[in-house]
PDB file of N, CA and C in Angstrom:
ATOM      1  N   MET A   1     -57.907-113.277 102.391  1.00  0.00           N
ATOM      2  CA  MET A   1     -59.108-112.589 101.977  1.00  0.00           C
ATOM      3  C   MET A   1     -59.426-111.476 102.982  1.00  0.00           C
ATOM      4  N   ILE A   2     -59.841-110.334 102.459  1.00  0.00           N
ATOM      5  CA  ILE A   2     -60.152-109.182 103.298  1.00  0.00           C
ATOM      6  C   ILE A   2     -61.584-109.314 103.815  1.00  0.00           C
ATOM      7  N   SER A   3     -61.736-109.125 105.121  1.00  0.00           N
ATOM      8  CA  SER A   3     -63.069-109.250 105.724  1.00  0.00           C
ATOM      9  C   SER A   3     -63.973-108.099 105.312  1.00  0.00           C
ATOM     10  N   LYS A   4     -65.253-108.311 105.467  1.00  0.00           N
ATOM     11  CA  LYS A   4     -66.248-107.291 105.122  1.00  0.00           C
ATOM     12  C   LYS A   4     -66.048-106.039 105.977  1.00  0.00           C
ATOM     13  N   LYS A   5     -65.696-106.224 107.250  1.00  0.00           N
ATOM     14  CA  LYS A   5     -65.483-105.096 108.154  1.00  0.00           C
ATOM     15  C   LYS A   5     -64.298-104.252 107.684  1.00  0.00           C
ATOM     16  N   VAL A   6     -63.214-104.917 107.280  1.00  0.00           N
ATOM     17  CA  VAL A   6     -62.029-104.200 106.816  1.00  0.00           C
ATOM     18  C   VAL A   6     -62.347-103.437 105.529  1.00  0.00           C
ATOM     19  N   LYS A   7     -63.094-104.071 104.614  1.00  0.00           N
ATOM     20  CA  LYS A   7     -63.491-103.392 103.376  1.00  0.00           C
ATOM     21  C   LYS A   7     -64.325-102.156 103.674  1.00  0.00           C
ATOM     22  N   THR A   8     -65.258-102.281 104.612  1.00  0.00           N
ATOM     23  CA  THR A   8     -66.110-101.148 104.984  1.00  0.00           C
ATOM     24  C   THR A   8     -65.263-100.017 105.555  1.00  0.00           C
ATOM     25  N   GLU A   9     -64.285-100.351 106.402  1.00  0.00           N
ATOM     26  CA  GLU A   9     -63.403 -99.335 106.974  1.00  0.00           C
ATOM     27  C   GLU A   9     -62.568 -98.665 105.887  1.00  0.00           C
ATOM     28  N   MET A  10     -62.100 -99.466 104.922  1.00  0.00           N
ATOM     29  CA  MET A  10     -61.305 -98.909 103.822  1.00  0.00           C
ATOM     30  C   MET A  10     -62.140 -97.917 103.003  1.00  0.00           C
ATOM     31  N   TYR A  11     -63.390 -98.289 102.698  1.00  0.00           N
ATOM     32  CA  TYR A  11     -64.273 -97.392 101.955  1.00  0.00           C
ATOM     33  C   TYR A  11     -64.573 -96.129 102.749  1.00  0.00           C
ATOM     34  N   ALA A  12     -64.749 -96.253 104.047  1.00  0.00           N
ATOM     35  CA  ALA A  12     -65.018 -95.085 104.902  1.00  0.00           C
ATOM     36  C   ALA A  12     -63.817 -94.136 104.891  1.00  0.00           C
ATOM     37  N   LEU A  13     -62.610 -94.682 104.981  1.00  0.00           N
ATOM     38  CA  LEU A  13     -61.405 -93.854 104.935  1.00  0.00           C
ATOM     39  C   LEU A  13     -61.263 -93.160 103.592  1.00  0.00           C
ATOM     40  N   LYS A  14     -61.547 -93.879 102.524  1.00  0.00           N
ATOM     41  CA  LYS A  14     -61.489 -93.278 101.183  1.00  0.00           C
ATOM     42  C   LYS A  14     -62.488 -92.138 101.061  1.00  0.00           C
ATOM     43  N   ALA A  15     -63.695 -92.338 101.588  1.00  0.00           N
ATOM     44  CA  ALA A  15     -64.726 -91.299 101.533  1.00  0.00           C
ATOM     45  C   ALA A  15     -64.267 -90.049 102.283  1.00  0.00           C
ATOM     46  N   ILE A  16     -63.611 -90.233 103.421  1.00  0.00           N
ATOM     47  CA  ILE A  16     -63.094 -89.100 104.198  1.00  0.00           C
ATOM     48  C   ILE A  16     -61.994 -88.393 103.411  1.00  0.00           C
ATOM     49  N   GLN A  17     -61.105 -89.163 102.798  1.00  0.00           N
ATOM     50  CA  GLN A  17     -60.024 -88.565 102.011  1.00  0.00           C
ATOM     51  C   GLN A  17     -60.575 -87.771 100.832  1.00  0.00           C
ATOM     52  N   VAL A  18     -61.566 -88.321 100.155  1.00  0.00           N
ATOM     53  CA  VAL A  18     -62.171 -87.620  99.024  1.00  0.00           C
ATOM     54  C   VAL A  18     -62.834 -86.337  99.498  1.00  0.00           C
ATOM     55  N   SER A  19     -63.541 -86.405 100.614  1.00  0.00           N
ATOM     56  CA  SER A  19     -64.197 -85.223 101.161  1.00  0.00           C
ATOM     57  C   SER A  19     -63.171 -84.140 101.498  1.00  0.00           C
ATOM     58  N   GLU A  20     -62.068 -84.528 102.114  1.00  0.00           N
ATOM     59  CA  GLU A  20     -61.004 -83.578 102.453  1.00  0.00           C
ATOM     60  C   GLU A  20     -60.401 -82.966 101.189  1.00  0.00           C
ATOM     61  N   TRP A  21     -60.188 -83.799 100.171  1.00  0.00           N
ATOM     62  CA  TRP A  21     -59.612 -83.308  98.925  1.00  0.00           C
ATOM     63  C   TRP A  21     -60.551 -82.301  98.268  1.00  0.00           C
ATOM     64  N   LEU A  22     -61.842 -82.601  98.256  1.00  0.00           N
ATOM     65  CA  LEU A  22     -62.812 -81.676  97.657  1.00  0.00           C
ATOM     66  C   LEU A  22     -62.869 -80.358  98.417  1.00  0.00           C
ATOM     67  N   GLU A  23     -62.795 -80.416  99.736  1.00  0.00           N
ATOM     68  CA  GLU A  23     -62.760 -79.184 100.537  1.00  0.00           C
ATOM     69  C   GLU A  23     -61.527 -78.356 100.184  1.00  0.00           C
ATOM     70  N   THR A  24     -60.391 -79.016 100.021  1.00  0.00           N
ATOM     71  CA  THR A  24     -59.151 -78.342  99.662  1.00  0.00           C
ATOM     72  C   THR A  24     -59.268 -77.715  98.280  1.00  0.00           C
ATOM     73  N   LEU A  25     -59.829 -78.462  97.338  1.00  0.00           N
ATOM     74  CA  LEU A  25     -60.012 -77.950  95.979  1.00  0.00           C
ATOM     75  C   LEU A  25     -60.926 -76.722  95.982  1.00  0.00           C
ATOM     76  N   HIS A  26     -62.042 -76.806  96.668  1.00  0.00           N
ATOM     77  CA  HIS A  26     -62.981 -75.683  96.699  1.00  0.00           C
ATOM     78  C   HIS A  26     -62.378 -74.468  97.415  1.00  0.00           C
ATOM     79  N   ALA A  27     -61.593 -74.693  98.445  1.00  0.00           N
ATOM     80  CA  ALA A  27     -60.915 -73.576  99.122  1.00  0.00           C
ATOM     81  C   ALA A  27     -59.929 -72.908  98.167  1.00  0.00           C
ATOM     82  N   ALA A  28     -59.203 -73.718  97.382  1.00  0.00           N
ATOM     83  CA  ALA A  28     -58.256 -73.157  96.411  1.00  0.00           C
ATOM     84  C   ALA A  28     -59.004 -72.356  95.338  1.00  0.00           C
ATOM     85  N   ILE A  29     -60.128 -72.861  94.886  1.00  0.00           N
ATOM     86  CA  ILE A  29     -60.929 -72.146  93.888  1.00  0.00           C
ATOM     87  C   ILE A  29     -61.438 -70.828  94.462  1.00  0.00           C
ATOM     88  N   GLN A  30     -61.841 -70.835  95.742  1.00  0.00           N
ATOM     89  CA  GLN A  30     -62.344 -69.613  96.384  1.00  0.00           C
ATOM     90  C   GLN A  30     -61.269 -68.533  96.489  1.00  0.00           C
ATOM     91  N   SER A  31     -60.007 -68.922  96.414  1.00  0.00           N
ATOM     92  CA  SER A  31     -58.930 -67.936  96.510  1.00  0.00           C
ATOM     93  C   SER A  31     -58.722 -67.188  95.192  1.00  0.00           C
ATOM     94  N   LEU A  32     -59.359 -67.644  94.120  1.00  0.00           N
ATOM     95  CA  LEU A  32     -59.255 -66.985  92.826  1.00  0.00           C
ATOM     96  C   LEU A  32     -60.186 -65.770  92.776  1.00  0.00           C
ATOM     97  N   SER A  33     -59.986 -64.923  91.793  1.00  0.00           N
ATOM     98  CA  SER A  33     -60.909 -63.797  91.596  1.00  0.00           C
ATOM     99  C   SER A  33     -62.268 -64.358  91.171  1.00  0.00           C
ATOM    100  N   PRO A  34     -63.335 -63.587  91.339  1.00  0.00           N
ATOM    101  CA  PRO A  34     -64.659 -64.089  90.960  1.00  0.00           C
ATOM    102  C   PRO A  34     -64.755 -64.560  89.509  1.00  0.00           C
ATOM    103  N   VAL A  35     -64.152 -63.823  88.579  1.00  0.00           N
ATOM    104  CA  VAL A  35     -64.234 -64.234  87.177  1.00  0.00           C
ATOM    105  C   VAL A  35     -63.406 -65.502  86.930  1.00  0.00           C
ATOM    106  N   GLU A  36     -62.270 -65.636  87.612  1.00  0.00           N
ATOM    107  CA  GLU A  36     -61.472 -66.867  87.492  1.00  0.00           C
ATOM    108  C   GLU A  36     -62.232 -68.048  88.085  1.00  0.00           C
ATOM    109  N   GLN A  37     -62.919 -67.830  89.198  1.00  0.00           N
ATOM    110  CA  GLN A  37     -63.735 -68.898  89.795  1.00  0.00           C
ATOM    111  C   GLN A  37     -64.798 -69.365  88.819  1.00  0.00           C
ATOM    112  N   GLU A  38     -65.479 -68.413  88.211  1.00  0.00           N
ATOM    113  CA  GLU A  38     -66.538 -68.763  87.261  1.00  0.00           C
ATOM    114  C   GLU A  38     -65.971 -69.516  86.061  1.00  0.00           C
ATOM    115  N   LEU A  39     -64.821 -69.079  85.571  1.00  0.00           N
ATOM    116  CA  LEU A  39     -64.162 -69.746  84.458  1.00  0.00           C
ATOM    117  C   LEU A  39     -63.871 -71.206  84.804  1.00  0.00           C
ATOM    118  N   ILE A  40     -63.241 -71.437  85.950  1.00  0.00           N
ATOM    119  CA  ILE A  40     -62.887 -72.800  86.370  1.00  0.00           C
ATOM    120  C   ILE A  40     -64.142 -73.647  86.563  1.00  0.00           C
ATOM    121  N   GLU A  41     -65.152 -73.077  87.179  1.00  0.00           N
ATOM    122  CA  GLU A  41     -66.387 -73.826  87.405  1.00  0.00           C
ATOM    123  C   GLU A  41     -67.064 -74.200  86.093  1.00  0.00           C
ATOM    124  N   LEU A  42     -67.160 -73.240  85.163  1.00  0.00           N
ATOM    125  CA  LEU A  42     -67.798 -73.531  83.878  1.00  0.00           C
ATOM    126  C   LEU A  42     -66.990 -74.541  83.060  1.00  0.00           C
ATOM    127  N   LYS A  43     -65.685 -74.389  83.058  1.00  0.00           N
ATOM    128  CA  LYS A  43     -64.839 -75.236  82.214  1.00  0.00           C
ATOM    129  C   LYS A  43     -64.647 -76.640  82.785  1.00  0.00           C
ATOM    130  N   TYR A  44     -64.496 -76.749  84.093  1.00  0.00           N
ATOM    131  CA  TYR A  44     -64.075 -78.028  84.673  1.00  0.00           C
ATOM    132  C   TYR A  44     -65.059 -78.670  85.652  1.00  0.00           C
ATOM    133  N   LEU A  45     -65.989 -77.913  86.197  1.00  0.00           N
ATOM    134  CA  LEU A  45     -66.861 -78.476  87.229  1.00  0.00           C
ATOM    135  C   LEU A  45     -68.310 -78.631  86.795  1.00  0.00           C
ATOM    136  N   GLN A  46     -68.736 -77.880  85.802  1.00  0.00           N
ATOM    137  CA  GLN A  46     -70.123 -77.982  85.348  1.00  0.00           C
ATOM    138  C   GLN A  46     -70.188 -78.739  84.026  1.00  0.00           C
ATOM    139  N   LYS A  47     -71.289 -79.419  83.832  1.00  0.00           N
ATOM    140  CA  LYS A  47     -71.520 -80.162  82.589  1.00  0.00           C
ATOM    141  C   LYS A  47     -72.762 -79.622  81.901  1.00  0.00           C
ATOM    142  N   ARG A  48     -72.800 -79.819  80.604  1.00  0.00           N
ATOM    143  CA  ARG A  48     -73.996 -79.469  79.838  1.00  0.00           C
ATOM    144  C   ARG A  48     -75.063 -80.531  80.099  1.00  0.00           C
ATOM    145  N   ASN A  49     -76.273 -80.289  79.623  1.00  0.00           N
ATOM    146  CA  ASN A  49     -77.378 -81.239  79.827  1.00  0.00           C
ATOM    147  C   ASN A  49     -77.083 -82.628  79.281  1.00  0.00           C
ATOM    148  N   ASP A  50     -76.270 -82.692  78.209  1.00  0.00           N
ATOM    149  CA  ASP A  50     -75.943 -83.994  77.620  1.00  0.00           C
ATOM    150  C   ASP A  50     -74.746 -84.668  78.298  1.00  0.00           C
ATOM    151  N   GLY A  51     -74.214 -84.034  79.360  1.00  0.00           N
ATOM    152  CA  GLY A  51     -73.103 -84.620  80.116  1.00  0.00           C
ATOM    153  C   GLY A  51     -71.724 -84.205  79.633  1.00  0.00           C
ATOM    154  N   SER A  52     -71.658 -83.484  78.518  1.00  0.00           N
ATOM    155  CA  SER A  52     -70.360 -83.054  78.004  1.00  0.00           C
ATOM    156  C   SER A  52     -69.935 -81.736  78.666  1.00  0.00           C
ATOM    157  N   SER A  53     -68.670 -81.403  78.502  1.00  0.00           N
ATOM    158  CA  SER A  53     -68.131 -80.165  79.069  1.00  0.00           C
ATOM    159  C   SER A  53     -68.417 -78.993  78.132  1.00  0.00           C
ATOM    160  N   TYR A  54     -68.434 -77.808  78.700  1.00  0.00           N
ATOM    161  CA  TYR A  54     -68.583 -76.606  77.892  1.00  0.00           C
ATOM    162  C   TYR A  54     -67.274 -76.336  77.146  1.00  0.00           C
ATOM    163  N   SER A  55     -67.372 -75.900  75.920  1.00  0.00           N
ATOM    164  CA  SER A  55     -66.180 -75.556  75.142  1.00  0.00           C
ATOM    165  C   SER A  55     -65.737 -74.139  75.508  1.00  0.00           C
ATOM    166  N   ASP A  56     -64.466 -73.873  75.256  1.00  0.00           N
ATOM    167  CA  ASP A  56     -63.930 -72.536  75.521  1.00  0.00           C
ATOM    168  C   ASP A  56     -64.706 -71.475  74.751  1.00  0.00           C
ATOM    169  N   GLU A  57     -65.101 -71.795  73.528  1.00  0.00           N
ATOM    170  CA  GLU A  57     -65.814 -70.842  72.674  1.00  0.00           C
ATOM    171  C   GLU A  57     -67.181 -70.460  73.239  1.00  0.00           C
ATOM    172  N   VAL A  58     -67.740 -71.316  74.076  1.00  0.00           N
ATOM    173  CA  VAL A  58     -69.017 -71.027  74.724  1.00  0.00           C
ATOM    174  C   VAL A  58     -68.792 -70.223  76.009  1.00  0.00           C
ATOM    175  N   ILE A  59     -67.681 -70.489  76.681  1.00  0.00           N
ATOM    176  CA  ILE A  59     -67.437 -69.892  77.999  1.00  0.00           C
ATOM    177  C   ILE A  59     -67.036 -68.429  77.934  1.00  0.00           C
ATOM    178  N   TYR A  60     -66.054 -68.087  77.084  1.00  0.00           N
ATOM    179  CA  TYR A  60     -65.556 -66.708  77.170  1.00  0.00           C
ATOM    180  C   TYR A  60     -66.599 -65.643  76.832  1.00  0.00           C
ATOM    181  N   PRO A  61     -67.550 -65.889  75.919  1.00  0.00           N
ATOM    182  CA  PRO A  61     -68.599 -64.866  75.759  1.00  0.00           C
ATOM    183  C   PRO A  61     -69.486 -64.726  77.009  1.00  0.00           C
ATOM    184  N   GLN A  62     -69.687 -65.845  77.731  1.00  0.00           N
ATOM    185  CA  GLN A  62     -70.485 -65.785  78.960  1.00  0.00           C
ATOM    186  C   GLN A  62     -69.800 -64.937  80.027  1.00  0.00           C
ATOM    187  N   LEU A  63     -68.476 -64.901  79.983  1.00  0.00           N
ATOM    188  CA  LEU A  63     -67.711 -64.126  80.955  1.00  0.00           C
ATOM    189  C   LEU A  63     -67.501 -62.682  80.498  1.00  0.00           C
ATOM    190  N   TYR A  64     -67.995 -62.367  79.293  1.00  0.00           N
ATOM    191  CA  TYR A  64     -67.856 -61.035  78.705  1.00  0.00           C
ATOM    192  C   TYR A  64     -66.398 -60.615  78.552  1.00  0.00           C
ATOM    193  N   ILE A  65     -65.572 -61.576  78.125  1.00  0.00           N
ATOM    194  CA  ILE A  65     -64.168 -61.276  77.847  1.00  0.00           C
ATOM    195  C   ILE A  65     -63.817 -61.843  76.473  1.00  0.00           C
ATOM    196  N   GLY A  66     -62.768 -61.301  75.896  1.00  0.00           N
ATOM    197  CA  GLY A  66     -62.316 -61.765  74.588  1.00  0.00           C
ATOM    198  C   GLY A  66     -61.565 -63.083  74.673  1.00  0.00           C
ATOM    199  N   ARG A  67     -61.390 -63.688  73.507  1.00  0.00           N
ATOM    200  CA  ARG A  67     -60.728 -64.992  73.405  1.00  0.00           C
ATOM    201  C   ARG A  67     -59.308 -64.962  73.983  1.00  0.00           C
ATOM    202  N   LYS A  68     -58.523 -63.973  73.584  1.00  0.00           N
ATOM    203  CA  LYS A  68     -57.129 -63.876  74.028  1.00  0.00           C
ATOM    204  C   LYS A  68     -57.038 -63.722  75.547  1.00  0.00           C
ATOM    205  N   LYS A  69     -57.860 -62.832  76.088  1.00  0.00           N
ATOM    206  CA  LYS A  69     -57.863 -62.615  77.545  1.00  0.00           C
ATOM    207  C   LYS A  69     -58.321 -63.880  78.270  1.00  0.00           C
ATOM    208  N   TYR A  70     -59.306 -64.567  77.690  1.00  0.00           N
ATOM    209  CA  TYR A  70     -59.820 -65.805  78.291  1.00  0.00           C
ATOM    210  C   TYR A  70     -58.713 -66.842  78.438  1.00  0.00           C
ATOM    211  N   TYR A  71     -57.969 -67.087  77.355  1.00  0.00           N
ATOM    212  CA  TYR A  71     -56.923 -68.110  77.418  1.00  0.00           C
ATOM    213  C   TYR A  71     -55.805 -67.723  78.382  1.00  0.00           C
ATOM    214  N   LYS A  72     -55.487 -66.432  78.452  1.00  0.00           N
ATOM    215  CA  LYS A  72     -54.479 -65.973  79.408  1.00  0.00           C
ATOM    216  C   LYS A  72     -54.984 -66.178  80.835  1.00  0.00           C
ATOM    217  N   MET A  73     -56.241 -65.798  81.076  1.00  0.00           N
ATOM    218  CA  MET A  73     -56.835 -65.937  82.402  1.00  0.00           C
ATOM    219  C   MET A  73     -56.945 -67.413  82.804  1.00  0.00           C
ATOM    220  N   LYS A  74     -57.330 -68.258  81.862  1.00  0.00           N
ATOM    221  CA  LYS A  74     -57.458 -69.687  82.143  1.00  0.00           C
ATOM    222  C   LYS A  74     -56.107 -70.274  82.546  1.00  0.00           C
ATOM    223  N   LYS A  75     -55.064 -69.910  81.808  1.00  0.00           N
ATOM    224  CA  LYS A  75     -53.713 -70.400  82.117  1.00  0.00           C
ATOM    225  C   LYS A  75     -53.278 -69.941  83.511  1.00  0.00           C
ATOM    226  N   GLU A  76     -53.509 -68.671  83.809  1.00  0.00           N
ATOM    227  CA  GLU A  76     -53.106 -68.127  85.113  1.00  0.00           C
ATOM    228  C   GLU A  76     -53.897 -68.769  86.258  1.00  0.00           C
ATOM    229  N   ALA A  77     -55.196 -68.948  86.057  1.00  0.00           N
ATOM    230  CA  ALA A  77     -56.024 -69.558  87.103  1.00  0.00           C
ATOM    231  C   ALA A  77     -55.593 -71.000  87.365  1.00  0.00           C
ATOM    232  N   LEU A  78     -55.311 -71.749  86.312  1.00  0.00           N
ATOM    233  CA  LEU A  78     -54.861 -73.137  86.492  1.00  0.00           C
ATOM    234  C   LEU A  78     -53.489 -73.184  87.160  1.00  0.00           C
ATOM    235  N   ASP A  79     -52.638 -72.221  86.830  1.00  0.00           N
ATOM    236  CA  ASP A  79     -51.319 -72.148  87.458  1.00  0.00           C
ATOM    237  C   ASP A  79     -51.453 -71.877  88.956  1.00  0.00           C
ATOM    238  N   ILE A  80     -52.320 -70.924  89.317  1.00  0.00           N
ATOM    239  CA  ILE A  80     -52.553 -70.604  90.732  1.00  0.00           C
ATOM    240  C   ILE A  80     -53.098 -71.824  91.466  1.00  0.00           C
ATOM    241  N   LEU A  81     -54.106 -72.473  90.875  1.00  0.00           N
ATOM    242  CA  LEU A  81     -54.681 -73.666  91.511  1.00  0.00           C
ATOM    243  C   LEU A  81     -53.640 -74.758  91.674  1.00  0.00           C
ATOM    244  N   GLY A  82     -52.876 -74.991  90.637  1.00  0.00           N
ATOM    245  CA  GLY A  82     -51.843 -76.025  90.699  1.00  0.00           C
ATOM    246  C   GLY A  82     -50.836 -75.771  91.807  1.00  0.00           C
ATOM    247  N   ARG A  83     -50.403 -74.531  91.918  1.00  0.00           N
ATOM    248  CA  ARG A  83     -49.427 -74.184  92.963  1.00  0.00           C
ATOM    249  C   ARG A  83     -50.029 -74.337  94.359  1.00  0.00           C
ATOM    250  N   LYS A  84     -51.265 -73.882  94.525  1.00  0.00           N
ATOM    251  CA  LYS A  84     -51.915 -73.999  95.839  1.00  0.00           C
ATOM    252  C   LYS A  84     -52.112 -75.468  96.221  1.00  0.00           C
ATOM    253  N   LEU A  85     -52.609 -76.251  95.276  1.00  0.00           N
ATOM    254  CA  LEU A  85     -52.862 -77.669  95.571  1.00  0.00           C
ATOM    255  C   LEU A  85     -51.558 -78.425  95.784  1.00  0.00           C
ATOM    256  N   TYR A  86     -50.528 -78.115  94.997  1.00  0.00           N
ATOM    257  CA  TYR A  86     -49.234 -78.753  95.187  1.00  0.00           C
ATOM    258  C   TYR A  86     -48.701 -78.429  96.577  1.00  0.00           C
ATOM    259  N   GLY A  87     -48.815 -77.172  96.974  1.00  0.00           N
ATOM    260  CA  GLY A  87     -48.335 -76.761  98.294  1.00  0.00           C
ATOM    261  C   GLY A  87     -49.057 -77.490  99.410  1.00  0.00           C
ATOM    262  N   VAL A  88     -50.370 -77.599  99.310  1.00  0.00           N
ATOM    263  CA  VAL A  88     -51.161 -78.265 100.348  1.00  0.00           C
ATOM    264  C   VAL A  88     -50.794 -79.742 100.433  1.00  0.00           C
ATOM    265  N   PHE A  89     -50.763 -80.414  99.298  1.00  0.00           N
ATOM    266  CA  PHE A  89     -50.527 -81.855  99.322  1.00  0.00           C
ATOM    267  C   PHE A  89     -49.071 -82.211  99.593  1.00  0.00           C
ATOM    268  N   SER A  90     -48.138 -81.355  99.208  1.00  0.00           N
ATOM    269  CA  SER A  90     -46.737 -81.644  99.533  1.00  0.00           C
ATOM    270  C   SER A  90     -46.503 -81.462 101.034  1.00  0.00           C
ATOM    271  N   GLU A  91     -47.217 -80.504 101.665  1.00  0.00           N
ATOM    272  CA  GLU A  91     -47.110 -80.327 103.115  1.00  0.00           C
ATOM    273  C   GLU A  91     -47.649 -81.541 103.852  1.00  0.00           C
ATOM    274  N   ARG A  92     -48.676 -82.147 103.299  1.00  0.00           N
ATOM    275  CA  ARG A  92     -49.288 -83.318 103.932  1.00  0.00           C
ATOM    276  C   ARG A  92     -48.537 -84.601 103.610  1.00  0.00           C
ATOM    277  N   GLY A  93     -47.550 -84.502 102.736  1.00  0.00           N
ATOM    278  CA  GLY A  93     -46.788 -85.688 102.366  1.00  0.00           C
ATOM    279  C   GLY A  93     -47.540 -86.635 101.460  1.00  0.00           C
ATOM    280  N   ARG A  94     -48.439 -86.094 100.649  1.00  0.00           N
ATOM    281  CA  ARG A  94     -49.257 -86.947  99.772  1.00  0.00           C
ATOM    282  C   ARG A  94     -48.787 -86.901  98.327  1.00  0.00           C
ATOM    283  N   LEU A  95     -47.613 -86.370  98.067  1.00  0.00           N
ATOM    284  CA  LEU A  95     -47.111 -86.347  96.697  1.00  0.00           C
ATOM    285  C   LEU A  95     -46.016 -87.346  96.528  1.00  0.00           C
TER     286      LEU A  95
END
């Protein structure tokens, strides 16, 4: 059986890891262009009042871009984020 002290230490380590991961994610997002940052934040980080995510059809008019450009930009932004995050975590040996 795991002692209470060990459980507390495990939770503390997890909290530190999550904090580090969030810092890494936000740094990767900051490397995007301002409109790409807003796209990622609206699509994946912000929720509507009812707790659901914003749909693409709601987001691209807010960004003042057309549907086709939006989907291209979304794909490119996710590709950039994926590559940056993969690079960071593969360097740390966490993949």
